[in-house]
Amino acid sequence: MTRQEIVLAASLWLLIVILVTDARSVQKSQLQRNVATPICPTPTAPPNGVVSCEYSDPLQIQIFCTITCKAGYMFRGTDAMDFVFPCDVSTGFYDTVTSPDCIPVPRSTLVPPLG
């Protein structure tokens, strides 16, 4: 199944959920927006950061994106090595996609290579 087919299937699934939940209160413009909006688009990495996204289940429905810093960089103000963001399939967006900036690792914490 291609990514476009997955996005289309997820969009249609979201449309059905909205219709079943409360068909009388959904307006036509909202339905059109939900169908046209891709499900959880790939977030933007901070400068000197990398984003990788993957499916966590065999049906390729649940999407998780991970933001990490490139080699020689670390997140500002935290010891975390990465930040993971699950996709909220009910809204088509991530709950939150914020991570600290990736800053150069201070020289005092760099470990010299072995050998």
PDB file of N, CA and C in Angstrom:
ATOM      1  N   MET A   1       0.851  -1.167   0.000  1.00  0.00           N
ATOM      2  CA  MET A   1       0.000   0.000   0.000  1.00  0.00           C
ATOM      3  C   MET A   1       0.902   1.237   0.000  1.00  0.00           C
ATOM      4  N   THR A   2       0.666   2.155  -0.917  1.00  0.00           N
ATOM      5  CA  THR A   2       1.487   3.358  -1.007  1.00  0.00           C
ATOM      6  C   THR A   2       1.076   4.361   0.064  1.00  0.00           C
ATOM      7  N   ARG A   3       1.944   5.346   0.293  1.00  0.00           N
ATOM      8  CA  ARG A   3       1.650   6.382   1.288  1.00  0.00           C
ATOM      9  C   ARG A   3       0.381   7.147   0.905  1.00  0.00           C
ATOM     10  N   GLN A   4       0.191   7.426  -0.399  1.00  0.00           N
ATOM     11  CA  GLN A   4      -1.013   8.139  -0.830  1.00  0.00           C
ATOM     12  C   GLN A   4      -2.266   7.317  -0.544  1.00  0.00           C
ATOM     13  N   GLU A   5      -2.196   6.015  -0.771  1.00  0.00           N
ATOM     14  CA  GLU A   5      -3.350   5.156  -0.480  1.00  0.00           C
ATOM     15  C   GLU A   5      -3.636   5.133   1.015  1.00  0.00           C
ATOM     16  N   ILE A   6      -2.585   5.135   1.833  1.00  0.00           N
ATOM     17  CA  ILE A   6      -2.756   5.138   3.288  1.00  0.00           C
ATOM     18  C   ILE A   6      -3.403   6.446   3.732  1.00  0.00           C
ATOM     19  N   VAL A   7      -2.908   7.571   3.184  1.00  0.00           N
ATOM     20  CA  VAL A   7      -3.473   8.873   3.535  1.00  0.00           C
ATOM     21  C   VAL A   7      -4.935   8.938   3.118  1.00  0.00           C
ATOM     22  N   LEU A   8      -5.254   8.446   1.920  1.00  0.00           N
ATOM     23  CA  LEU A   8      -6.635   8.449   1.452  1.00  0.00           C
ATOM     24  C   LEU A   8      -7.514   7.574   2.345  1.00  0.00           C
ATOM     25  N   ALA A   9      -7.036   6.379   2.677  1.00  0.00           N
ATOM     26  CA  ALA A   9      -7.811   5.475   3.533  1.00  0.00           C
ATOM     27  C   ALA A   9      -8.029   6.089   4.911  1.00  0.00           C
ATOM     28  N   ALA A  10      -6.987   6.692   5.470  1.00  0.00           N
ATOM     29  CA  ALA A  10      -7.113   7.315   6.788  1.00  0.00           C
ATOM     30  C   ALA A  10      -8.061   8.508   6.731  1.00  0.00           C
ATOM     31  N   SER A  11      -8.010   9.284   5.648  1.00  0.00           N
ATOM     32  CA  SER A  11      -8.914  10.428   5.502  1.00  0.00           C
ATOM     33  C   SER A  11     -10.360   9.966   5.411  1.00  0.00           C
ATOM     34  N   LEU A  12     -10.590   8.918   4.645  1.00  0.00           N
ATOM     35  CA  LEU A  12     -11.953   8.384   4.527  1.00  0.00           C
ATOM     36  C   LEU A  12     -12.436   7.817   5.852  1.00  0.00           C
ATOM     37  N   TRP A  13     -11.531   7.140   6.581  1.00  0.00           N
ATOM     38  CA  TRP A  13     -11.888   6.593   7.890  1.00  0.00           C
ATOM     39  C   TRP A  13     -12.269   7.725   8.827  1.00  0.00           C
ATOM     40  N   LEU A  14     -11.483   8.815   8.812  1.00  0.00           N
ATOM     41  CA  LEU A  14     -11.768   9.967   9.653  1.00  0.00           C
ATOM     42  C   LEU A  14     -13.117  10.577   9.278  1.00  0.00           C
ATOM     43  N   LEU A  15     -13.418  10.666   8.003  1.00  0.00           N
ATOM     44  CA  LEU A  15     -14.692  11.200   7.541  1.00  0.00           C
ATOM     45  C   LEU A  15     -15.853  10.348   8.054  1.00  0.00           C
ATOM     46  N   ILE A  16     -15.719   9.039   8.000  1.00  0.00           N
ATOM     47  CA  ILE A  16     -16.773   8.134   8.482  1.00  0.00           C
ATOM     48  C   ILE A  16     -16.975   8.299   9.980  1.00  0.00           C
ATOM     49  N   VAL A  17     -15.879   8.396  10.735  1.00  0.00           N
ATOM     50  CA  VAL A  17     -15.982   8.579  12.185  1.00  0.00           C
ATOM     51  C   VAL A  17     -16.726   9.871  12.503  1.00  0.00           C
ATOM     52  N   ILE A  18     -16.401  10.940  11.793  1.00  0.00           N
ATOM     53  CA  ILE A  18     -17.077  12.218  12.028  1.00  0.00           C
ATOM     54  C   ILE A  18     -18.563  12.104  11.713  1.00  0.00           C
ATOM     55  N   LEU A  19     -18.905  11.481  10.603  1.00  0.00           N
ATOM     56  CA  LEU A  19     -20.311  11.347  10.219  1.00  0.00           C
ATOM     57  C   LEU A  19     -21.092  10.512  11.221  1.00  0.00           C
ATOM     58  N   VAL A  20     -20.500   9.429  11.689  1.00  0.00           N
ATOM     59  CA  VAL A  20     -21.188   8.554  12.635  1.00  0.00           C
ATOM     60  C   VAL A  20     -21.321   9.231  13.990  1.00  0.00           C
ATOM     61  N   THR A  21     -20.308   9.981  14.409  1.00  0.00           N
ATOM     62  CA  THR A  21     -20.319  10.607  15.730  1.00  0.00           C
ATOM     63  C   THR A  21     -21.471  11.580  15.899  1.00  0.00           C
ATOM     64  N   ASP A  22     -21.646  12.474  14.950  1.00  0.00           N
ATOM     65  CA  ASP A  22     -22.724  13.451  15.072  1.00  0.00           C
ATOM     66  C   ASP A  22     -23.029  14.051  13.707  1.00  0.00           C
ATOM     67  N   ALA A  23     -23.769  13.326  12.917  1.00  0.00           N
ATOM     68  CA  ALA A  23     -24.024  13.705  11.527  1.00  0.00           C
ATOM     69  C   ALA A  23     -24.735  15.048  11.407  1.00  0.00           C
ATOM     70  N   ARG A  24     -25.567  15.404  12.363  1.00  0.00           N
ATOM     71  CA  ARG A  24     -26.332  16.649  12.250  1.00  0.00           C
ATOM     72  C   ARG A  24     -25.496  17.899  12.490  1.00  0.00           C
ATOM     73  N   SER A  25     -24.415  17.795  13.250  1.00  0.00           N
ATOM     74  CA  SER A  25     -23.671  19.009  13.598  1.00  0.00           C
ATOM     75  C   SER A  25     -22.456  19.262  12.712  1.00  0.00           C
ATOM     76  N   VAL A  26     -22.151  18.350  11.821  1.00  0.00           N
ATOM     77  CA  VAL A  26     -20.991  18.511  10.949  1.00  0.00           C
ATOM     78  C   VAL A  26     -21.379  19.359   9.749  1.00  0.00           C
ATOM     79  N   GLN A  27     -20.600  20.392   9.503  1.00  0.00           N
ATOM     80  CA  GLN A  27     -20.890  21.253   8.368  1.00  0.00           C
ATOM     81  C   GLN A  27     -20.086  20.804   7.158  1.00  0.00           C
ATOM     82  N   LYS A  28     -20.628  21.120   5.987  1.00  0.00           N
ATOM     83  CA  LYS A  28     -20.011  20.689   4.735  1.00  0.00           C
ATOM     84  C   LYS A  28     -18.563  21.165   4.615  1.00  0.00           C
ATOM     85  N   SER A  29     -18.267  22.385   5.005  1.00  0.00           N
ATOM     86  CA  SER A  29     -16.902  22.910   4.881  1.00  0.00           C
ATOM     87  C   SER A  29     -15.924  22.115   5.740  1.00  0.00           C
ATOM     88  N   GLN A  30     -16.352  21.684   6.909  1.00  0.00           N
ATOM     89  CA  GLN A  30     -15.475  20.897   7.778  1.00  0.00           C
ATOM     90  C   GLN A  30     -15.186  19.539   7.150  1.00  0.00           C
ATOM     91  N   LEU A  31     -16.179  18.926   6.542  1.00  0.00           N
ATOM     92  CA  LEU A  31     -15.960  17.644   5.881  1.00  0.00           C
ATOM     93  C   LEU A  31     -14.955  17.785   4.747  1.00  0.00           C
ATOM     94  N   GLN A  32     -15.096  18.831   3.951  1.00  0.00           N
ATOM     95  CA  GLN A  32     -14.172  19.032   2.842  1.00  0.00           C
ATOM     96  C   GLN A  32     -12.752  19.257   3.347  1.00  0.00           C
ATOM     97  N   ARG A  33     -12.591  19.996   4.444  1.00  0.00           N
ATOM     98  CA  ARG A  33     -11.267  20.242   5.002  1.00  0.00           C
ATOM     99  C   ARG A  33     -10.635  18.953   5.494  1.00  0.00           C
ATOM    100  N   ASN A  34     -11.401  18.105   6.177  1.00  0.00           N
ATOM    101  CA  ASN A  34     -10.858  16.862   6.714  1.00  0.00           C
ATOM    102  C   ASN A  34     -10.412  15.910   5.614  1.00  0.00           C
ATOM    103  N   VAL A  35     -11.136  15.867   4.513  1.00  0.00           N
ATOM    104  CA  VAL A  35     -10.762  14.983   3.418  1.00  0.00           C
ATOM    105  C   VAL A  35      -9.496  15.492   2.737  1.00  0.00           C
ATOM    106  N   ALA A  36      -9.353  16.812   2.620  1.00  0.00           N
ATOM    107  CA  ALA A  36      -8.210  17.387   1.909  1.00  0.00           C
ATOM    108  C   ALA A  36      -6.946  17.447   2.763  1.00  0.00           C
ATOM    109  N   THR A  37      -7.068  17.399   4.091  1.00  0.00           N
ATOM    110  CA  THR A  37      -5.913  17.524   4.970  1.00  0.00           C
ATOM    111  C   THR A  37      -5.218  16.181   5.125  1.00  0.00           C
ATOM    112  N   PRO A  38      -3.896  16.106   4.834  1.00  0.00           N
ATOM    113  CA  PRO A  38      -3.196  14.840   5.035  1.00  0.00           C
ATOM    114  C   PRO A  38      -3.148  14.473   6.519  1.00  0.00           C
ATOM    115  N   ILE A  39      -3.182  13.189   6.796  1.00  0.00           N
ATOM    116  CA  ILE A  39      -3.134  12.716   8.172  1.00  0.00           C
ATOM    117  C   ILE A  39      -1.708  12.841   8.689  1.00  0.00           C
ATOM    118  N   CYS A  40      -1.523  13.620   9.729  1.00  0.00           N
ATOM    119  CA  CYS A  40      -0.244  13.799  10.417  1.00  0.00           C
ATOM    120  C   CYS A  40       0.930  13.973   9.453  1.00  0.00           C
ATOM    121  N   PRO A  41       1.001  15.118   8.779  1.00  0.00           N
ATOM    122  CA  PRO A  41       2.143  15.349   7.893  1.00  0.00           C
ATOM    123  C   PRO A  41       3.447  15.327   8.689  1.00  0.00           C
ATOM    124  N   THR A  42       4.535  14.989   8.031  1.00  0.00           N
ATOM    125  CA  THR A  42       5.835  14.883   8.702  1.00  0.00           C
ATOM    126  C   THR A  42       6.208  16.231   9.315  1.00  0.00           C
ATOM    127  N   PRO A  43       6.532  16.236  10.636  1.00  0.00           N
ATOM    128  CA  PRO A  43       6.907  17.501  11.268  1.00  0.00           C
ATOM    129  C   PRO A  43       8.252  18.014  10.755  1.00  0.00           C
ATOM    130  N   THR A  44       8.488  19.290  10.959  1.00  0.00           N
ATOM    131  CA  THR A  44       9.744  19.910  10.553  1.00  0.00           C
ATOM    132  C   THR A  44      10.781  19.729  11.655  1.00  0.00           C
ATOM    133  N   ALA A  45      11.969  19.302  11.272  1.00  0.00           N
ATOM    134  CA  ALA A  45      13.053  19.125  12.242  1.00  0.00           C
ATOM    135  C   ALA A  45      13.650  20.479  12.596  1.00  0.00           C
ATOM    136  N   PRO A  46      14.149  20.619  13.831  1.00  0.00           N
ATOM    137  CA  PRO A  46      14.858  21.856  14.166  1.00  0.00           C
ATOM    138  C   PRO A  46      16.185  21.898  13.404  1.00  0.00           C
ATOM    139  N   PRO A  47      16.804  23.072  13.278  1.00  0.00           N
ATOM    140  CA  PRO A  47      18.126  23.112  12.647  1.00  0.00           C
ATOM    141  C   PRO A  47      19.072  22.128  13.349  1.00  0.00           C
ATOM    142  N   ASN A  48      19.839  21.392  12.586  1.00  0.00           N
ATOM    143  CA  ASN A  48      20.767  20.363  13.073  1.00  0.00           C
ATOM    144  C   ASN A  48      20.042  19.177  13.702  1.00  0.00           C
ATOM    145  N   GLY A  49      18.779  18.999  13.344  1.00  0.00           N
ATOM    146  CA  GLY A  49      17.992  17.869  13.818  1.00  0.00           C
ATOM    147  C   GLY A  49      17.505  17.022  12.653  1.00  0.00           C
ATOM    148  N   VAL A  50      17.013  15.829  12.973  1.00  0.00           N
ATOM    149  CA  VAL A  50      16.538  14.878  11.969  1.00  0.00           C
ATOM    150  C   VAL A  50      15.184  14.333  12.418  1.00  0.00           C
ATOM    151  N   VAL A  51      14.258  14.176  11.467  1.00  0.00           N
ATOM    152  CA  VAL A  51      12.948  13.579  11.748  1.00  0.00           C
ATOM    153  C   VAL A  51      12.866  12.234  11.049  1.00  0.00           C
ATOM    154  N   SER A  52      12.393  11.221  11.767  1.00  0.00           N
ATOM    155  CA  SER A  52      12.096   9.933  11.135  1.00  0.00           C
ATOM    156  C   SER A  52      10.713   9.504  11.607  1.00  0.00           C
ATOM    157  N   CYS A  53       9.901   9.029  10.677  1.00  0.00           N
ATOM    158  CA  CYS A  53       8.540   8.605  10.999  1.00  0.00           C
ATOM    159  C   CYS A  53       8.369   7.144  10.600  1.00  0.00           C
ATOM    160  N   GLU A  54       7.581   6.426  11.393  1.00  0.00           N
ATOM    161  CA  GLU A  54       7.333   5.014  11.094  1.00  0.00           C
ATOM    162  C   GLU A  54       5.977   4.609  11.640  1.00  0.00           C
ATOM    163  N   TYR A  55       5.487   3.523  11.100  1.00  0.00           N
ATOM    164  CA  TYR A  55       4.234   2.950  11.576  1.00  0.00           C
ATOM    165  C   TYR A  55       4.550   1.991  12.708  1.00  0.00           C
ATOM    166  N   SER A  56       3.696   1.987  13.726  1.00  0.00           N
ATOM    167  CA  SER A  56       3.953   1.139  14.885  1.00  0.00           C
ATOM    168  C   SER A  56       3.139  -0.146  14.870  1.00  0.00           C
ATOM    169  N   ASP A  57       2.338  -0.341  13.840  1.00  0.00           N
ATOM    170  CA  ASP A  57       1.494  -1.532  13.814  1.00  0.00           C
ATOM    171  C   ASP A  57       1.485  -2.135  12.408  1.00  0.00           C
ATOM    172  N   PRO A  58       1.141  -3.419  12.308  1.00  0.00           N
ATOM    173  CA  PRO A  58       1.153  -4.095  11.010  1.00  0.00           C
ATOM    174  C   PRO A  58       0.171  -3.504   9.993  1.00  0.00           C
ATOM    175  N   LEU A  59      -0.910  -2.880  10.457  1.00  0.00           N
ATOM    176  CA  LEU A  59      -1.901  -2.304   9.544  1.00  0.00           C
ATOM    177  C   LEU A  59      -1.493  -0.918   9.054  1.00  0.00           C
ATOM    178  N   GLN A  60      -0.376  -0.412   9.547  1.00  0.00           N
ATOM    179  CA  GLN A  60       0.155   0.897   9.167  1.00  0.00           C
ATOM    180  C   GLN A  60      -0.865   2.007   9.390  1.00  0.00           C
ATOM    181  N   ILE A  61      -1.460   2.007  10.572  1.00  0.00           N
ATOM    182  CA  ILE A  61      -2.422   3.043  10.931  1.00  0.00           C
ATOM    183  C   ILE A  61      -1.809   4.019  11.931  1.00  0.00           C
ATOM    184  N   GLN A  62      -1.136   3.504  12.959  1.00  0.00           N
ATOM    185  CA  GLN A  62      -0.574   4.350  14.010  1.00  0.00           C
ATOM    186  C   GLN A  62       0.807   4.853  13.593  1.00  0.00           C
ATOM    187  N   ILE A  63       0.970   6.169  13.489  1.00  0.00           N
ATOM    188  CA  ILE A  63       2.222   6.777  13.045  1.00  0.00           C
ATOM    189  C   ILE A  63       2.908   7.445  14.233  1.00  0.00           C
ATOM    190  N   PHE A  64       4.222   7.232  14.346  1.00  0.00           N
ATOM    191  CA  PHE A  64       5.042   7.910  15.339  1.00  0.00           C
ATOM    192  C   PHE A  64       6.197   8.584  14.621  1.00  0.00           C
ATOM    193  N   CYS A  65       6.488   9.829  14.964  1.00  0.00           N
ATOM    194  CA  CYS A  65       7.660  10.514  14.420  1.00  0.00           C
ATOM    195  C   CYS A  65       8.620  10.806  15.562  1.00  0.00           C
ATOM    196  N   THR A  66       9.902  10.641  15.287  1.00  0.00           N
ATOM    197  CA  THR A  66      10.953  10.868  16.271  1.00  0.00           C
ATOM    198  C   THR A  66      11.873  11.967  15.765  1.00  0.00           C
ATOM    199  N   ILE A  67      12.163  12.928  16.634  1.00  0.00           N
ATOM    200  CA  ILE A  67      13.118  13.983  16.305  1.00  0.00           C
ATOM    201  C   ILE A  67      14.374  13.753  17.137  1.00  0.00           C
ATOM    202  N   THR A  68      15.529  13.701  16.467  1.00  0.00           N
ATOM    203  CA  THR A  68      16.825  13.558  17.134  1.00  0.00           C
ATOM    204  C   THR A  68      17.759  14.645  16.613  1.00  0.00           C
ATOM    205  N   CYS A  69      18.825  14.889  17.356  1.00  0.00           N
ATOM    206  CA  CYS A  69      19.847  15.842  16.915  1.00  0.00           C
ATOM    207  C   CYS A  69      20.921  15.095  16.139  1.00  0.00           C
ATOM    208  N   LYS A  70      21.525  15.779  15.173  1.00  0.00           N
ATOM    209  CA  LYS A  70      22.625  15.193  14.405  1.00  0.00           C
ATOM    210  C   LYS A  70      23.831  14.980  15.318  1.00  0.00           C
ATOM    211  N   ALA A  71      24.793  14.164  14.861  1.00  0.00           N
ATOM    212  CA  ALA A  71      26.016  13.904  15.626  1.00  0.00           C
ATOM    213  C   ALA A  71      26.711  15.228  15.934  1.00  0.00           C
ATOM    214  N   GLY A  72      27.171  15.367  17.176  1.00  0.00           N
ATOM    215  CA  GLY A  72      27.847  16.590  17.594  1.00  0.00           C
ATOM    216  C   GLY A  72      26.907  17.652  18.123  1.00  0.00           C
ATOM    217  N   TYR A  73      25.599  17.326  18.169  1.00  0.00           N
ATOM    218  CA  TYR A  73      24.598  18.266  18.668  1.00  0.00           C
ATOM    219  C   TYR A  73      23.756  17.585  19.739  1.00  0.00           C
ATOM    220  N   MET A  74      23.155  18.398  20.592  1.00  0.00           N
ATOM    221  CA  MET A  74      22.275  17.884  21.643  1.00  0.00           C
ATOM    222  C   MET A  74      21.121  18.867  21.817  1.00  0.00           C
ATOM    223  N   PHE A  75      20.031  18.385  22.427  1.00  0.00           N
ATOM    224  CA  PHE A  75      18.896  19.270  22.675  1.00  0.00           C
ATOM    225  C   PHE A  75      19.256  20.278  23.765  1.00  0.00           C
ATOM    226  N   ARG A  76      18.824  21.501  23.577  1.00  0.00           N
ATOM    227  CA  ARG A  76      19.076  22.560  24.558  1.00  0.00           C
ATOM    228  C   ARG A  76      18.229  22.313  25.811  1.00  0.00           C
ATOM    229  N   GLY A  77      18.875  22.331  26.979  1.00  0.00           N
ATOM    230  CA  GLY A  77      18.162  22.297  28.250  1.00  0.00           C
ATOM    231  C   GLY A  77      17.605  20.954  28.675  1.00  0.00           C
ATOM    232  N   THR A  78      18.008  19.865  28.049  1.00  0.00           N
ATOM    233  CA  THR A  78      17.512  18.544  28.441  1.00  0.00           C
ATOM    234  C   THR A  78      18.542  17.473  28.103  1.00  0.00           C
ATOM    235  N   ASP A  79      18.481  16.373  28.826  1.00  0.00           N
ATOM    236  CA  ASP A  79      19.360  15.236  28.537  1.00  0.00           C
ATOM    237  C   ASP A  79      18.704  14.243  27.582  1.00  0.00           C
ATOM    238  N   ALA A  80      17.488  14.539  27.152  1.00  0.00           N
ATOM    239  CA  ALA A  80      16.770  13.616  26.262  1.00  0.00           C
ATOM    240  C   ALA A  80      17.551  13.422  24.965  1.00  0.00           C
ATOM    241  N   MET A  81      17.576  12.186  24.484  1.00  0.00           N
ATOM    242  CA  MET A  81      18.270  11.867  23.237  1.00  0.00           C
ATOM    243  C   MET A  81      17.348  12.036  22.030  1.00  0.00           C
ATOM    244  N   ASP A  82      16.034  11.941  22.270  1.00  0.00           N
ATOM    245  CA  ASP A  82      15.074  12.113  21.186  1.00  0.00           C
ATOM    246  C   ASP A  82      13.712  12.495  21.753  1.00  0.00           C
ATOM    247  N   PHE A  83      12.847  12.951  20.868  1.00  0.00           N
ATOM    248  CA  PHE A  83      11.467  13.270  21.214  1.00  0.00           C
ATOM    249  C   PHE A  83      10.569  12.494  20.260  1.00  0.00           C
ATOM    250  N   VAL A  84       9.569  11.790  20.820  1.00  0.00           N
ATOM    251  CA  VAL A  84       8.674  10.963  20.017  1.00  0.00           C
ATOM    252  C   VAL A  84       7.280  11.590  20.043  1.00  0.00           C
ATOM    253  N   PHE A  85       6.674  11.687  18.850  1.00  0.00           N
ATOM    254  CA  PHE A  85       5.357  12.293  18.715  1.00  0.00           C
ATOM    255  C   PHE A  85       4.406  11.309  18.050  1.00  0.00           C
ATOM    256  N   PRO A  86       3.374  10.812  18.779  1.00  0.00           N
ATOM    257  CA  PRO A  86       2.378   9.945  18.144  1.00  0.00           C
ATOM    258  C   PRO A  86       1.333  10.778  17.401  1.00  0.00           C
ATOM    259  N   CYS A  87       0.857  10.242  16.306  1.00  0.00           N
ATOM    260  CA  CYS A  87      -0.205  10.880  15.531  1.00  0.00           C
ATOM    261  C   CYS A  87      -1.546  10.600  16.203  1.00  0.00           C
ATOM    262  N   ASP A  88      -2.355  11.626  16.376  1.00  0.00           N
ATOM    263  CA  ASP A  88      -3.715  11.457  16.880  1.00  0.00           C
ATOM    264  C   ASP A  88      -4.621  11.267  15.666  1.00  0.00           C
ATOM    265  N   VAL A  89      -4.947  10.018  15.343  1.00  0.00           N
ATOM    266  CA  VAL A  89      -5.709   9.741  14.122  1.00  0.00           C
ATOM    267  C   VAL A  89      -7.123  10.310  14.167  1.00  0.00           C
ATOM    268  N   SER A  90      -7.615  10.646  15.347  1.00  0.00           N
ATOM    269  CA  SER A  90      -8.958  11.230  15.421  1.00  0.00           C
ATOM    270  C   SER A  90      -8.971  12.670  14.915  1.00  0.00           C
ATOM    271  N   THR A  91      -7.823  13.358  14.995  1.00  0.00           N
ATOM    272  CA  THR A  91      -7.748  14.739  14.511  1.00  0.00           C
ATOM    273  C   THR A  91      -6.912  14.862  13.242  1.00  0.00           C
ATOM    274  N   GLY A  92      -6.027  13.897  13.001  1.00  0.00           N
ATOM    275  CA  GLY A  92      -5.136  13.975  11.850  1.00  0.00           C
ATOM    276  C   GLY A  92      -3.892  14.797  12.111  1.00  0.00           C
ATOM    277  N   PHE A  93      -3.659  15.120  13.377  1.00  0.00           N
ATOM    278  CA  PHE A  93      -2.500  15.928  13.749  1.00  0.00           C
ATOM    279  C   PHE A  93      -1.788  15.292  14.936  1.00  0.00           C
ATOM    280  N   TYR A  94      -0.563  15.724  15.171  1.00  0.00           N
ATOM    281  CA  TYR A  94       0.175  15.285  16.355  1.00  0.00           C
ATOM    282  C   TYR A  94      -0.339  16.070  17.548  1.00  0.00           C
ATOM    283  N   ASP A  95      -0.319  15.429  18.738  1.00  0.00           N
ATOM    284  CA  ASP A  95      -0.752  16.129  19.947  1.00  0.00           C
ATOM    285  C   ASP A  95       0.072  17.402  20.134  1.00  0.00           C
ATOM    286  N   THR A  96       1.362  17.285  19.956  1.00  0.00           N
ATOM    287  CA  THR A  96       2.266  18.428  20.017  1.00  0.00           C
ATOM    288  C   THR A  96       3.520  18.061  19.249  1.00  0.00           C
ATOM    289  N   VAL A  97       4.091  19.010  18.571  1.00  0.00           N
ATOM    290  CA  VAL A  97       5.343  18.748  17.858  1.00  0.00           C
ATOM    291  C   VAL A  97       6.287  19.894  18.187  1.00  0.00           C
ATOM    292  N   THR A  98       6.763  19.890  19.406  1.00  0.00           N
ATOM    293  CA  THR A  98       7.757  20.879  19.787  1.00  0.00           C
ATOM    294  C   THR A  98       8.921  20.152  20.424  1.00  0.00           C
ATOM    295  N   SER A  99      10.093  20.537  20.051  1.00  0.00           N
ATOM    296  CA  SER A  99      11.303  20.000  20.664  1.00  0.00           C
ATOM    297  C   SER A  99      12.273  21.155  20.816  1.00  0.00           C
ATOM    298  N   PRO A 100      13.161  21.065  21.795  1.00  0.00           N
ATOM    299  CA  PRO A 100      14.156  22.130  21.944  1.00  0.00           C
ATOM    300  C   PRO A 100      15.072  22.183  20.725  1.00  0.00           C
ATOM    301  N   ASP A 101      15.760  23.292  20.576  1.00  0.00           N
ATOM    302  CA  ASP A 101      16.739  23.429  19.502  1.00  0.00           C
ATOM    303  C   ASP A 101      17.897  22.463  19.717  1.00  0.00           C
ATOM    304  N   CYS A 102      18.533  22.063  18.624  1.00  0.00           N
ATOM    305  CA  CYS A 102      19.747  21.250  18.691  1.00  0.00           C
ATOM    306  C   CYS A 102      20.941  22.203  18.688  1.00  0.00           C
ATOM    307  N   ILE A 103      21.724  22.151  19.755  1.00  0.00           N
ATOM    308  CA  ILE A 103      22.881  23.038  19.887  1.00  0.00           C
ATOM    309  C   ILE A 103      24.157  22.199  19.885  1.00  0.00           C
ATOM    310  N   PRO A 104      25.296  22.805  19.527  1.00  0.00           N
ATOM    311  CA  PRO A 104      26.549  22.040  19.535  1.00  0.00           C
ATOM    312  C   PRO A 104      26.847  21.487  20.929  1.00  0.00           C
ATOM    313  N   VAL A 105      27.361  20.265  20.971  1.00  0.00           N
ATOM    314  CA  VAL A 105      27.768  19.658  22.241  1.00  0.00           C
ATOM    315  C   VAL A 105      28.973  20.446  22.746  1.00  0.00           C
ATOM    316  N   PRO A 106      28.956  20.890  24.009  1.00  0.00           N
ATOM    317  CA  PRO A 106      30.120  21.609  24.536  1.00  0.00           C
ATOM    318  C   PRO A 106      31.375  20.738  24.459  1.00  0.00           C
ATOM    319  N   ARG A 107      32.489  21.332  24.137  1.00  0.00           N
ATOM    320  CA  ARG A 107      33.739  20.579  23.966  1.00  0.00           C
ATOM    321  C   ARG A 107      34.116  19.779  25.203  1.00  0.00           C
ATOM    322  N   SER A 108      33.797  20.263  26.383  1.00  0.00           N
ATOM    323  CA  SER A 108      34.187  19.564  27.611  1.00  0.00           C
ATOM    324  C   SER A 108      33.491  18.217  27.763  1.00  0.00           C
ATOM    325  N   THR A 109      32.375  18.002  27.053  1.00  0.00           N
ATOM    326  CA  THR A 109      31.659  16.733  27.184  1.00  0.00           C
ATOM    327  C   THR A 109      31.938  15.776  26.032  1.00  0.00           C
ATOM    328  N   LEU A 110      32.744  16.204  25.052  1.00  0.00           N
ATOM    329  CA  LEU A 110      33.075  15.314  23.944  1.00  0.00           C
ATOM    330  C   LEU A 110      34.075  14.266  24.399  1.00  0.00           C
ATOM    331  N   VAL A 111      33.873  13.034  23.993  1.00  0.00           N
ATOM    332  CA  VAL A 111      34.776  11.937  24.337  1.00  0.00           C
ATOM    333  C   VAL A 111      35.682  11.689  23.142  1.00  0.00           C
ATOM    334  N   PRO A 112      37.013  11.667  23.349  1.00  0.00           N
ATOM    335  CA  PRO A 112      37.906  11.426  22.212  1.00  0.00           C
ATOM    336  C   PRO A 112      37.724  10.015  21.672  1.00  0.00           C
ATOM    337  N   PRO A 113      37.925   9.827  20.371  1.00  0.00           N
ATOM    338  CA  PRO A 113      37.774   8.490  19.794  1.00  0.00           C
ATOM    339  C   PRO A 113      38.829   7.532  20.331  1.00  0.00           C
ATOM    340  N   LEU A 114      38.465   6.251  20.404  1.00  0.00           N
ATOM    341  CA  LEU A 114      39.407   5.224  20.863  1.00  0.00           C
ATOM    342  C   LEU A 114      40.407   4.913  19.763  1.00  0.00           C
ATOM    343  N   GLY A 115      41.637   4.621  20.168  1.00  0.00           N
ATOM    344  CA  GLY A 115      42.635   4.146  19.215  1.00  0.00           C
ATOM    345  C   GLY A 115      43.458   5.215  18.730  1.00  0.00           C
TER     346      GLY A 115
END
